[in-house]
Amino acid sequence: MFGKVAKALDEPALIKYAIGRKINRAYHTRFGKREHNPDGIDVFEEDWDNLVILDSCRYDHFVGYDLPGTLDWRYSKGSSTREFLTANFRETKLHDTVYVSANAWFPRLADDIGAEIHDFVNLQQSEYQDEQLGVELPETVTDAAIRTEKEYPNKRLLIHYIQPHYPYIGPVGRQHISPKTNMLTAILEADVPPAVVRKAYWENLDEVMDEMKTLFDSLRGKTVVTADHGELIAERSFPLPYREYGHPLGTYTRKLVKVPWHVHDSGERKTVVPEEPRYDRSEVDEDVIDERLKNLGYRV
């Protein structure tokens, strides 16, 4: 605890955000009485063969892309990945599901929330990561998802991309917003204008959306593209109306919890068969997981 306080004092620009987020979180969670957004859906109760999660994807940005299929929207249970996973996976036995993820939160949380899945495809290993950016690129996740479906043809597939989440991998993002550090620190210390941050976010979204056609052409059955939560890019938070960046925990503003729900059908549905889990949590390297989360800007 004292280490975190000391670190915050070394970064005075973050103090007002820390205070504002705490107050706004108290409002949205009713002082901790709500563990998640009560209006959010349970994604595992929805109908899909493949669920594609674009990390931090805003609905109002997603609608600008022309994808085959039908676009709708849903409310997410969380305003952050940790909250989304905890709310949807808690005490679940998803023995018919394989999770391919470039996001390191699931292996960090699985034991604590009592989640069981058939298997977890671990993309946290160094061979999957872009060394310069410290993140898994969209095409790496796509390739892993296609391989995994061939290995598990009778399982539902959950595919979790990092983009459009920070770090920003496009030319504007690389130039103006440093990777491998806290996003808010990178923006504030360099005094990056909101328009530049928004451009960097769009670049990330472009990169991952380029992969959707490949997925649609490769995956069988009913594929849904959604997000775990949205993103604030200098919009005002609530009830304290300061300009916010990112996706603070427990803050259920519309920009953070309204997410796309795009459905694409590609022929015959999968015949899904539950089987005993193959996922071995003991193989997870905690140090690697912590490093990956830090590369995404989280303090762990």
C-alpha atoms as a PDB file:
ATOM      1  CA  MET A   1       0.000   0.000   0.000  1.00  0.00           C
ATOM      2  CA  PHE A   2       2.715   2.493   1.016  1.00  0.00           C
ATOM      3  CA  GLY A   3       4.611   1.749  -2.181  1.00  0.00           C
ATOM      4  CA  LYS A   4       1.581   2.696  -4.268  1.00  0.00           C
ATOM      5  CA  VAL A   5       1.106   5.931  -2.300  1.00  0.00           C
ATOM      6  CA  ALA A   6       4.768   6.842  -2.772  1.00  0.00           C
ATOM      7  CA  LYS A   7       4.538   6.141  -6.497  1.00  0.00           C
ATOM      8  CA  ALA A   8       1.448   8.356  -6.786  1.00  0.00           C
ATOM      9  CA  LEU A   9       3.254  11.200  -5.021  1.00  0.00           C
ATOM     10  CA  ASP A  10       6.052  10.898  -7.563  1.00  0.00           C
ATOM     11  CA  GLU A  11       3.433  11.413 -10.296  1.00  0.00           C
ATOM     12  CA  PRO A  12       1.418  14.439  -9.109  1.00  0.00           C
ATOM     13  CA  ALA A  13      -0.486  14.759 -12.390  1.00  0.00           C
ATOM     14  CA  LEU A  14      -2.178  11.451 -11.569  1.00  0.00           C
ATOM     15  CA  ILE A  15      -3.389  12.450  -8.107  1.00  0.00           C
ATOM     16  CA  LYS A  16      -6.516  14.310  -9.272  1.00  0.00           C
ATOM     17  CA  TYR A  17      -7.397  11.365 -11.491  1.00  0.00           C
ATOM     18  CA  ALA A  18      -6.957   8.920  -8.629  1.00  0.00           C
ATOM     19  CA  ILE A  19      -9.230  11.001  -6.398  1.00  0.00           C
ATOM     20  CA  GLY A  20     -11.809  11.629  -9.123  1.00  0.00           C
ATOM     21  CA  ARG A  21     -11.932   7.969 -10.106  1.00  0.00           C
ATOM     22  CA  LYS A  22     -12.405   6.892  -6.516  1.00  0.00           C
ATOM     23  CA  ILE A  23     -15.332   9.281  -6.029  1.00  0.00           C
ATOM     24  CA  ASN A  24     -16.987   8.379  -9.322  1.00  0.00           C
ATOM     25  CA  ARG A  25     -16.505   4.671  -8.673  1.00  0.00           C
ATOM     26  CA  ALA A  26     -18.195   5.044  -5.303  1.00  0.00           C
ATOM     27  CA  TYR A  27     -21.187   6.648  -7.039  1.00  0.00           C
ATOM     28  CA  HIS A  28     -21.533   4.007  -9.767  1.00  0.00           C
ATOM     29  CA  THR A  29     -20.990   1.019  -7.469  1.00  0.00           C
ATOM     30  CA  ARG A  30     -23.197   2.463  -4.718  1.00  0.00           C
ATOM     31  CA  PHE A  31     -20.189   2.576  -2.404  1.00  0.00           C
ATOM     32  CA  GLY A  32     -19.160  -0.959  -3.268  1.00  0.00           C
ATOM     33  CA  LYS A  33     -22.602  -2.560  -3.023  1.00  0.00           C
ATOM     34  CA  ARG A  34     -22.529  -3.335  -6.765  1.00  0.00           C
ATOM     35  CA  GLU A  35     -19.830  -5.731  -7.917  1.00  0.00           C
ATOM     36  CA  HIS A  36     -20.517  -4.984 -11.571  1.00  0.00           C
ATOM     37  CA  ASN A  37     -22.814  -3.056 -13.909  1.00  0.00           C
ATOM     38  CA  PRO A  38     -26.334  -4.360 -13.138  1.00  0.00           C
ATOM     39  CA  ASP A  39     -27.528  -3.628 -16.693  1.00  0.00           C
ATOM     40  CA  GLY A  40     -24.818  -5.743 -18.314  1.00  0.00           C
ATOM     41  CA  ILE A  41     -25.457  -9.050 -20.078  1.00  0.00           C
ATOM     42  CA  ASP A  42     -24.008 -12.452 -19.229  1.00  0.00           C
ATOM     43  CA  VAL A  43     -22.071 -13.182 -22.421  1.00  0.00           C
ATOM     44  CA  PHE A  44     -22.195 -16.941 -21.833  1.00  0.00           C
ATOM     45  CA  GLU A  45     -25.978 -16.892 -21.824  1.00  0.00           C
ATOM     46  CA  GLU A  46     -25.965 -15.386 -25.330  1.00  0.00           C
ATOM     47  CA  ASP A  47     -26.104 -17.452 -28.526  1.00  0.00           C
ATOM     48  CA  TRP A  48     -22.757 -17.804 -30.335  1.00  0.00           C
ATOM     49  CA  ASP A  49     -20.173 -20.317 -31.532  1.00  0.00           C
ATOM     50  CA  ASN A  50     -17.299 -17.828 -31.574  1.00  0.00           C
ATOM     51  CA  LEU A  51     -17.159 -14.700 -29.429  1.00  0.00           C
ATOM     52  CA  VAL A  52     -14.575 -12.123 -30.519  1.00  0.00           C
ATOM     53  CA  ILE A  53     -13.643  -9.514 -27.920  1.00  0.00           C
ATOM     54  CA  LEU A  54     -12.017  -6.272 -29.041  1.00  0.00           C
ATOM     55  CA  ASP A  55     -10.468  -4.839 -25.905  1.00  0.00           C
ATOM     56  CA  SER A  56     -11.673  -1.292 -25.124  1.00  0.00           C
ATOM     57  CA  CYS A  57     -13.753  -0.973 -28.302  1.00  0.00           C
ATOM     58  CA  ARG A  58     -16.312   1.847 -28.249  1.00  0.00           C
ATOM     59  CA  TYR A  59     -19.642   1.203 -29.904  1.00  0.00           C
ATOM     60  CA  ASP A  60     -19.758   4.673 -31.476  1.00  0.00           C
ATOM     61  CA  HIS A  61     -16.413   4.010 -33.192  1.00  0.00           C
ATOM     62  CA  PHE A  62     -17.219   0.442 -34.232  1.00  0.00           C
ATOM     63  CA  VAL A  63     -20.275   1.588 -36.218  1.00  0.00           C
ATOM     64  CA  GLY A  64     -18.003   3.333 -38.708  1.00  0.00           C
ATOM     65  CA  TYR A  65     -16.865   0.004 -40.196  1.00  0.00           C
ATOM     66  CA  ASP A  66     -18.683  -1.903 -42.907  1.00  0.00           C
ATOM     67  CA  LEU A  67     -18.697  -5.574 -41.895  1.00  0.00           C
ATOM     68  CA  PRO A  68     -20.865  -8.370 -43.290  1.00  0.00           C
ATOM     69  CA  GLY A  69     -23.574  -9.326 -40.838  1.00  0.00           C
ATOM     70  CA  THR A  70     -25.870  -7.506 -38.451  1.00  0.00           C
ATOM     71  CA  LEU A  71     -24.836  -4.813 -35.972  1.00  0.00           C
ATOM     72  CA  ASP A  72     -26.507  -4.340 -32.590  1.00  0.00           C
ATOM     73  CA  TRP A  73     -25.244  -3.366 -29.146  1.00  0.00           C
ATOM     74  CA  ARG A  74     -25.264  -4.576 -25.555  1.00  0.00           C
ATOM     75  CA  TYR A  75     -24.298  -3.268 -22.139  1.00  0.00           C
ATOM     76  CA  SER A  76     -21.203  -4.835 -20.630  1.00  0.00           C
ATOM     77  CA  LYS A  77     -21.033  -5.923 -17.002  1.00  0.00           C
ATOM     78  CA  GLY A  78     -17.798  -4.017 -16.509  1.00  0.00           C
ATOM     79  CA  SER A  79     -15.915  -0.865 -17.392  1.00  0.00           C
ATOM     80  CA  SER A  80     -12.590  -2.739 -17.308  1.00  0.00           C
ATOM     81  CA  THR A  81     -11.372  -6.171 -18.387  1.00  0.00           C
ATOM     82  CA  ARG A  82     -10.842  -7.318 -14.819  1.00  0.00           C
ATOM     83  CA  GLU A  83     -14.415  -6.415 -13.942  1.00  0.00           C
ATOM     84  CA  PHE A  84     -15.820  -7.921 -17.166  1.00  0.00           C
ATOM     85  CA  LEU A  85     -14.041 -11.230 -16.589  1.00  0.00           C
ATOM     86  CA  THR A  86     -14.894 -11.432 -12.907  1.00  0.00           C
ATOM     87  CA  ALA A  87     -18.590 -10.729 -13.534  1.00  0.00           C
ATOM     88  CA  ASN A  88     -18.964 -13.174 -16.439  1.00  0.00           C
ATOM     89  CA  PHE A  89     -16.652 -16.002 -15.368  1.00  0.00           C
ATOM     90  CA  ARG A  90     -17.241 -16.188 -11.616  1.00  0.00           C
ATOM     91  CA  GLU A  91     -17.922 -19.811 -10.525  1.00  0.00           C
ATOM     92  CA  THR A  92     -18.521 -20.939 -14.113  1.00  0.00           C
ATOM     93  CA  LYS A  93     -17.886 -24.390 -15.585  1.00  0.00           C
ATOM     94  CA  LEU A  94     -17.335 -23.662 -19.255  1.00  0.00           C
ATOM     95  CA  HIS A  95     -16.111 -27.094 -20.311  1.00  0.00           C
ATOM     96  CA  ASP A  96     -17.346 -26.449 -23.856  1.00  0.00           C
ATOM     97  CA  THR A  97     -15.216 -23.304 -24.338  1.00  0.00           C
ATOM     98  CA  VAL A  98     -11.624 -22.622 -25.367  1.00  0.00           C
ATOM     99  CA  TYR A  99     -10.242 -19.149 -24.677  1.00  0.00           C
ATOM    100  CA  VAL A 100      -7.593 -17.619 -26.969  1.00  0.00           C
ATOM    101  CA  SER A 101      -6.385 -14.421 -25.347  1.00  0.00           C
ATOM    102  CA  ALA A 102      -3.784 -11.704 -25.781  1.00  0.00           C
ATOM    103  CA  ASN A 103      -5.034 -10.223 -22.500  1.00  0.00           C
ATOM    104  CA  ALA A 104      -3.310 -11.526 -19.374  1.00  0.00           C
ATOM    105  CA  TRP A 105      -6.115 -10.912 -16.882  1.00  0.00           C
ATOM    106  CA  PHE A 106      -7.778 -14.332 -17.135  1.00  0.00           C
ATOM    107  CA  PRO A 107      -4.796 -16.408 -15.955  1.00  0.00           C
ATOM    108  CA  ARG A 108      -4.279 -13.835 -13.205  1.00  0.00           C
ATOM    109  CA  LEU A 109      -7.906 -14.087 -12.009  1.00  0.00           C
ATOM    110  CA  ALA A 110      -9.035 -17.646 -12.820  1.00  0.00           C
ATOM    111  CA  ASP A 111      -8.313 -19.222  -9.447  1.00  0.00           C
ATOM    112  CA  ASP A 112      -9.736 -16.339  -7.427  1.00  0.00           C
ATOM    113  CA  ILE A 113     -13.037 -16.293  -9.317  1.00  0.00           C
ATOM    114  CA  GLY A 114     -13.436 -20.073  -9.575  1.00  0.00           C
ATOM    115  CA  ALA A 115     -13.540 -20.166 -13.380  1.00  0.00           C
ATOM    116  CA  GLU A 116     -13.198 -23.427 -15.302  1.00  0.00           C
ATOM    117  CA  ILE A 117     -12.776 -23.624 -19.075  1.00  0.00           C
ATOM    118  CA  HIS A 118     -11.839 -26.515 -21.318  1.00  0.00           C
ATOM    119  CA  ASP A 119      -8.568 -24.895 -22.373  1.00  0.00           C
ATOM    120  CA  PHE A 120      -6.737 -21.578 -22.440  1.00  0.00           C
ATOM    121  CA  VAL A 121      -4.412 -20.733 -25.332  1.00  0.00           C
ATOM    122  CA  ASN A 122      -1.647 -18.762 -23.681  1.00  0.00           C
ATOM    123  CA  LEU A 123      -0.442 -15.915 -25.900  1.00  0.00           C
ATOM    124  CA  GLN A 124       1.576 -14.376 -23.059  1.00  0.00           C
ATOM    125  CA  GLN A 125       4.722 -16.201 -24.140  1.00  0.00           C
ATOM    126  CA  SER A 126       7.545 -14.217 -25.723  1.00  0.00           C
ATOM    127  CA  GLU A 127       7.236 -15.783 -29.183  1.00  0.00           C
ATOM    128  CA  TYR A 128       3.816 -14.176 -29.606  1.00  0.00           C
ATOM    129  CA  GLN A 129       4.861 -10.702 -28.561  1.00  0.00           C
ATOM    130  CA  ASP A 130       6.153  -7.727 -30.510  1.00  0.00           C
ATOM    131  CA  GLU A 131       9.393  -6.986 -28.654  1.00  0.00           C
ATOM    132  CA  GLN A 132       9.400  -3.259 -29.361  1.00  0.00           C
ATOM    133  CA  LEU A 133       5.826  -2.633 -28.220  1.00  0.00           C
ATOM    134  CA  GLY A 134       5.526  -5.375 -25.609  1.00  0.00           C
ATOM    135  CA  VAL A 135       2.147  -6.469 -26.946  1.00  0.00           C
ATOM    136  CA  GLU A 136       0.583  -9.158 -29.134  1.00  0.00           C
ATOM    137  CA  LEU A 137      -0.341  -7.827 -32.581  1.00  0.00           C
ATOM    138  CA  PRO A 138      -3.792  -8.505 -34.098  1.00  0.00           C
ATOM    139  CA  GLU A 139      -2.554 -10.876 -36.800  1.00  0.00           C
ATOM    140  CA  THR A 140      -0.878 -13.024 -34.135  1.00  0.00           C
ATOM    141  CA  VAL A 141      -4.195 -13.487 -32.358  1.00  0.00           C
ATOM    142  CA  THR A 142      -5.993 -14.255 -35.630  1.00  0.00           C
ATOM    143  CA  ASP A 143      -3.473 -16.950 -36.540  1.00  0.00           C
ATOM    144  CA  ALA A 144      -3.765 -18.509 -33.087  1.00  0.00           C
ATOM    145  CA  ALA A 145      -7.575 -18.475 -33.266  1.00  0.00           C
ATOM    146  CA  ILE A 146      -7.634 -20.231 -36.651  1.00  0.00           C
ATOM    147  CA  ARG A 147      -5.190 -22.901 -35.428  1.00  0.00           C
ATOM    148  CA  THR A 148      -7.212 -23.378 -32.261  1.00  0.00           C
ATOM    149  CA  GLU A 149     -10.493 -23.897 -34.079  1.00  0.00           C
ATOM    150  CA  LYS A 150      -8.889 -26.660 -36.132  1.00  0.00           C
ATOM    151  CA  GLU A 151      -7.610 -28.290 -32.938  1.00  0.00           C
ATOM    152  CA  TYR A 152     -10.958 -27.908 -31.127  1.00  0.00           C
ATOM    153  CA  PRO A 153     -13.684 -28.144 -33.818  1.00  0.00           C
ATOM    154  CA  ASN A 154     -16.378 -29.064 -31.270  1.00  0.00           C
ATOM    155  CA  LYS A 155     -15.785 -26.212 -28.814  1.00  0.00           C
ATOM    156  CA  ARG A 156     -17.047 -22.666 -28.518  1.00  0.00           C
ATOM    157  CA  LEU A 157     -14.206 -20.254 -29.129  1.00  0.00           C
ATOM    158  CA  LEU A 158     -13.557 -17.060 -27.167  1.00  0.00           C
ATOM    159  CA  ILE A 159     -11.024 -14.820 -28.951  1.00  0.00           C
ATOM    160  CA  HIS A 160      -9.679 -11.807 -27.064  1.00  0.00           C
ATOM    161  CA  TYR A 161      -7.626  -9.216 -28.966  1.00  0.00           C
ATOM    162  CA  ILE A 162      -5.743  -6.430 -27.180  1.00  0.00           C
ATOM    163  CA  GLN A 163      -6.441  -3.703 -29.745  1.00  0.00           C
ATOM    164  CA  PRO A 164      -7.799  -1.040 -29.774  1.00  0.00           C
ATOM    165  CA  HIS A 165      -6.484  -1.007 -26.183  1.00  0.00           C
ATOM    166  CA  TYR A 166      -3.226   0.840 -25.495  1.00  0.00           C
ATOM    167  CA  PRO A 167      -0.297   0.524 -26.299  1.00  0.00           C
ATOM    168  CA  TYR A 168      -0.858   2.277 -29.591  1.00  0.00           C
ATOM    169  CA  ILE A 169       0.769   0.481 -32.510  1.00  0.00           C
ATOM    170  CA  GLY A 170       0.065   2.856 -35.416  1.00  0.00           C
ATOM    171  CA  PRO A 171       2.454   5.601 -36.610  1.00  0.00           C
ATOM    172  CA  VAL A 172       0.773   8.465 -34.712  1.00  0.00           C
ATOM    173  CA  GLY A 173       0.512   6.406 -31.547  1.00  0.00           C
ATOM    174  CA  ARG A 174       4.138   5.279 -31.694  1.00  0.00           C
ATOM    175  CA  GLN A 175       5.328   8.837 -32.261  1.00  0.00           C
ATOM    176  CA  HIS A 176       3.405  10.602 -29.509  1.00  0.00           C
ATOM    177  CA  ILE A 177       2.441   8.094 -26.784  1.00  0.00           C
ATOM    178  CA  SER A 178       5.151   5.961 -25.248  1.00  0.00           C
ATOM    179  CA  PRO A 179       4.432   2.221 -24.887  1.00  0.00           C
ATOM    180  CA  LYS A 180       5.324   0.118 -21.821  1.00  0.00           C
ATOM    181  CA  THR A 181       4.193   2.720 -19.316  1.00  0.00           C
ATOM    182  CA  ASN A 182       0.916   3.850 -17.774  1.00  0.00           C
ATOM    183  CA  MET A 183      -1.204   5.348 -20.569  1.00  0.00           C
ATOM    184  CA  LEU A 184      -2.412   8.270 -18.489  1.00  0.00           C
ATOM    185  CA  THR A 185       1.158   9.105 -17.449  1.00  0.00           C
ATOM    186  CA  ALA A 186       2.321   8.956 -21.071  1.00  0.00           C
ATOM    187  CA  ILE A 187      -0.452  11.310 -22.210  1.00  0.00           C
ATOM    188  CA  LEU A 188      -0.160  13.829 -19.374  1.00  0.00           C
ATOM    189  CA  GLU A 189       3.615  14.054 -19.168  1.00  0.00           C
ATOM    190  CA  ALA A 190       3.939  14.614 -22.920  1.00  0.00           C
ATOM    191  CA  ASP A 191       0.856  16.894 -22.968  1.00  0.00           C
ATOM    192  CA  VAL A 192      -0.631  14.915 -25.846  1.00  0.00           C
ATOM    193  CA  PRO A 193      -3.731  16.667 -27.294  1.00  0.00           C
ATOM    194  CA  PRO A 194      -7.019  14.718 -27.231  1.00  0.00           C
ATOM    195  CA  ALA A 195      -7.157  14.721 -31.049  1.00  0.00           C
ATOM    196  CA  VAL A 196      -3.833  12.898 -31.192  1.00  0.00           C
ATOM    197  CA  VAL A 197      -4.957  10.326 -28.622  1.00  0.00           C
ATOM    198  CA  ARG A 198      -8.147   9.773 -30.612  1.00  0.00           C
ATOM    199  CA  LYS A 199      -6.139   9.308 -33.823  1.00  0.00           C
ATOM    200  CA  ALA A 200      -3.885   6.784 -32.076  1.00  0.00           C
ATOM    201  CA  TYR A 201      -6.970   4.919 -30.846  1.00  0.00           C
ATOM    202  CA  TRP A 202      -8.455   4.875 -34.364  1.00  0.00           C
ATOM    203  CA  GLU A 203      -5.173   3.469 -35.707  1.00  0.00           C
ATOM    204  CA  ASN A 204      -5.365   0.591 -33.233  1.00  0.00           C
ATOM    205  CA  LEU A 205      -8.988  -0.031 -34.125  1.00  0.00           C
ATOM    206  CA  ASP A 206      -8.152  -0.038 -37.837  1.00  0.00           C
ATOM    207  CA  GLU A 207      -5.449  -2.637 -37.226  1.00  0.00           C
ATOM    208  CA  VAL A 208      -7.719  -5.072 -35.430  1.00  0.00           C
ATOM    209  CA  MET A 209     -10.747  -4.505 -37.671  1.00  0.00           C
ATOM    210  CA  ASP A 210      -8.597  -5.498 -40.651  1.00  0.00           C
ATOM    211  CA  GLU A 211      -8.516  -8.984 -39.106  1.00  0.00           C
ATOM    212  CA  MET A 212     -12.277  -9.464 -38.916  1.00  0.00           C
ATOM    213  CA  LYS A 213     -12.790 -10.515 -42.544  1.00  0.00           C
ATOM    214  CA  THR A 214     -10.084 -13.168 -42.171  1.00  0.00           C
ATOM    215  CA  LEU A 215     -11.824 -14.477 -39.055  1.00  0.00           C
ATOM    216  CA  PHE A 216     -15.257 -14.482 -40.695  1.00  0.00           C
ATOM    217  CA  ASP A 217     -13.859 -16.427 -43.660  1.00  0.00           C
ATOM    218  CA  SER A 218     -12.097 -18.943 -41.413  1.00  0.00           C
ATOM    219  CA  LEU A 219     -14.415 -19.637 -38.479  1.00  0.00           C
ATOM    220  CA  ARG A 220     -17.444 -21.919 -38.636  1.00  0.00           C
ATOM    221  CA  GLY A 221     -20.847 -21.128 -37.224  1.00  0.00           C
ATOM    222  CA  LYS A 222     -22.191 -17.999 -35.582  1.00  0.00           C
ATOM    223  CA  THR A 223     -19.518 -15.428 -34.792  1.00  0.00           C
ATOM    224  CA  VAL A 224     -20.215 -12.401 -32.593  1.00  0.00           C
ATOM    225  CA  VAL A 225     -17.830  -9.443 -32.355  1.00  0.00           C
ATOM    226  CA  THR A 226     -18.122  -7.430 -29.160  1.00  0.00           C
ATOM    227  CA  ALA A 227     -15.970  -5.688 -26.524  1.00  0.00           C
ATOM    228  CA  ASP A 228     -15.281  -6.160 -22.851  1.00  0.00           C
ATOM    229  CA  HIS A 229     -15.746  -2.403 -22.297  1.00  0.00           C
ATOM    230  CA  GLY A 230     -15.335   0.937 -24.045  1.00  0.00           C
ATOM    231  CA  GLU A 231     -12.837   3.772 -23.703  1.00  0.00           C
ATOM    232  CA  LEU A 232     -12.861   7.417 -22.669  1.00  0.00           C
ATOM    233  CA  ILE A 233     -10.799   9.818 -24.770  1.00  0.00           C
ATOM    234  CA  ALA A 234     -11.016  13.184 -22.995  1.00  0.00           C
ATOM    235  CA  GLU A 235     -14.789  12.868 -22.482  1.00  0.00           C
ATOM    236  CA  ARG A 236     -16.075  14.019 -19.134  1.00  0.00           C
ATOM    237  CA  SER A 237     -16.615  11.386 -16.504  1.00  0.00           C
ATOM    238  CA  PHE A 238     -19.563  11.382 -14.101  1.00  0.00           C
ATOM    239  CA  PRO A 239     -20.587  12.579 -11.560  1.00  0.00           C
ATOM    240  CA  LEU A 240     -17.281  14.478 -11.180  1.00  0.00           C
ATOM    241  CA  PRO A 241     -17.074  15.960 -14.692  1.00  0.00           C
ATOM    242  CA  TYR A 242     -13.308  15.987 -15.258  1.00  0.00           C
ATOM    243  CA  ARG A 243     -11.884  14.891 -18.604  1.00  0.00           C
ATOM    244  CA  GLU A 244     -10.941  11.231 -18.414  1.00  0.00           C
ATOM    245  CA  TYR A 245      -8.820   8.788 -20.394  1.00  0.00           C
ATOM    246  CA  GLY A 246      -8.943   5.020 -20.456  1.00  0.00           C
ATOM    247  CA  HIS A 247     -11.454   2.779 -18.720  1.00  0.00           C
ATOM    248  CA  PRO A 248     -11.466   3.221 -14.944  1.00  0.00           C
ATOM    249  CA  LEU A 249     -12.838   0.358 -12.884  1.00  0.00           C
ATOM    250  CA  GLY A 250     -16.430   0.564 -11.666  1.00  0.00           C
ATOM    251  CA  THR A 251     -17.485   3.571 -13.769  1.00  0.00           C
ATOM    252  CA  TYR A 252     -20.602   2.716 -15.747  1.00  0.00           C
ATOM    253  CA  THR A 253     -20.901   5.673 -18.094  1.00  0.00           C
ATOM    254  CA  ARG A 254     -22.379   4.913 -21.506  1.00  0.00           C
ATOM    255  CA  LYS A 255     -19.101   5.311 -23.397  1.00  0.00           C
ATOM    256  CA  LEU A 256     -17.584   2.653 -21.135  1.00  0.00           C
ATOM    257  CA  VAL A 257     -20.313   0.011 -20.985  1.00  0.00           C
ATOM    258  CA  LYS A 258     -22.171   0.297 -24.317  1.00  0.00           C
ATOM    259  CA  VAL A 259     -20.394  -2.163 -26.605  1.00  0.00           C
ATOM    260  CA  PRO A 260     -20.924  -3.523 -30.138  1.00  0.00           C
ATOM    261  CA  TRP A 261     -22.692  -6.827 -30.729  1.00  0.00           C
ATOM    262  CA  HIS A 262     -22.082  -7.700 -34.371  1.00  0.00           C
ATOM    263  CA  VAL A 263     -23.374 -11.066 -35.596  1.00  0.00           C
ATOM    264  CA  HIS A 264     -21.987 -12.918 -38.604  1.00  0.00           C
ATOM    265  CA  ASP A 265     -23.297 -16.343 -39.662  1.00  0.00           C
ATOM    266  CA  SER A 266     -21.066 -18.528 -41.805  1.00  0.00           C
ATOM    267  CA  GLY A 267     -22.919 -21.724 -42.532  1.00  0.00           C
ATOM    268  CA  GLU A 268     -23.662 -24.725 -40.359  1.00  0.00           C
ATOM    269  CA  ARG A 269     -23.482 -24.224 -36.601  1.00  0.00           C
ATOM    270  CA  LYS A 270     -20.930 -26.087 -34.515  1.00  0.00           C
ATOM    271  CA  THR A 271     -21.826 -29.233 -32.624  1.00  0.00           C
ATOM    272  CA  VAL A 272     -20.437 -28.245 -29.231  1.00  0.00           C
ATOM    273  CA  VAL A 273     -19.390 -30.966 -26.782  1.00  0.00           C
ATOM    274  CA  PRO A 274     -18.292 -30.261 -23.184  1.00  0.00           C
ATOM    275  CA  GLU A 275     -15.279 -32.224 -21.988  1.00  0.00           C
ATOM    276  CA  GLU A 276     -13.096 -32.225 -18.887  1.00  0.00           C
ATOM    277  CA  PRO A 277     -10.756 -29.193 -18.731  1.00  0.00           C
ATOM    278  CA  ARG A 278      -7.255 -29.405 -20.150  1.00  0.00           C
ATOM    279  CA  TYR A 279      -6.201 -25.987 -18.885  1.00  0.00           C
ATOM    280  CA  ASP A 280      -3.429 -26.338 -16.303  1.00  0.00           C
ATOM    281  CA  ARG A 281      -3.222 -23.187 -14.189  1.00  0.00           C
ATOM    282  CA  SER A 282       0.036 -24.416 -12.581  1.00  0.00           C
ATOM    283  CA  GLU A 283       1.860 -23.763 -15.859  1.00  0.00           C
ATOM    284  CA  VAL A 284       1.230 -20.010 -15.629  1.00  0.00           C
ATOM    285  CA  ASP A 285       4.327 -17.905 -14.933  1.00  0.00           C
ATOM    286  CA  GLU A 286       3.157 -15.137 -12.584  1.00  0.00           C
ATOM    287  CA  ASP A 287       6.129 -12.901 -13.410  1.00  0.00           C
ATOM    288  CA  VAL A 288       5.363 -13.057 -17.126  1.00  0.00           C
ATOM    289  CA  ILE A 289       1.688 -12.292 -16.486  1.00  0.00           C
ATOM    290  CA  ASP A 290       2.590  -9.266 -14.361  1.00  0.00           C
ATOM    291  CA  GLU A 291       4.978  -8.019 -17.031  1.00  0.00           C
ATOM    292  CA  ARG A 292       2.291  -8.321 -19.720  1.00  0.00           C
ATOM    293  CA  LEU A 293      -0.216  -6.394 -17.606  1.00  0.00           C
ATOM    294  CA  LYS A 294       2.328  -3.663 -16.930  1.00  0.00           C
ATOM    295  CA  ASN A 295       2.925  -3.395 -20.683  1.00  0.00           C
ATOM    296  CA  LEU A 296      -0.801  -2.677 -21.038  1.00  0.00           C
ATOM    297  CA  GLY A 297      -0.475   0.163 -18.535  1.00  0.00           C
ATOM    298  CA  TYR A 298      -1.810  -1.606 -15.436  1.00  0.00           C
ATOM    299  CA  ARG A 299      -0.229  -1.353 -12.002  1.00  0.00           C
ATOM    300  CA  VAL A 300       0.056  -4.851 -10.547  1.00  0.00           C
END
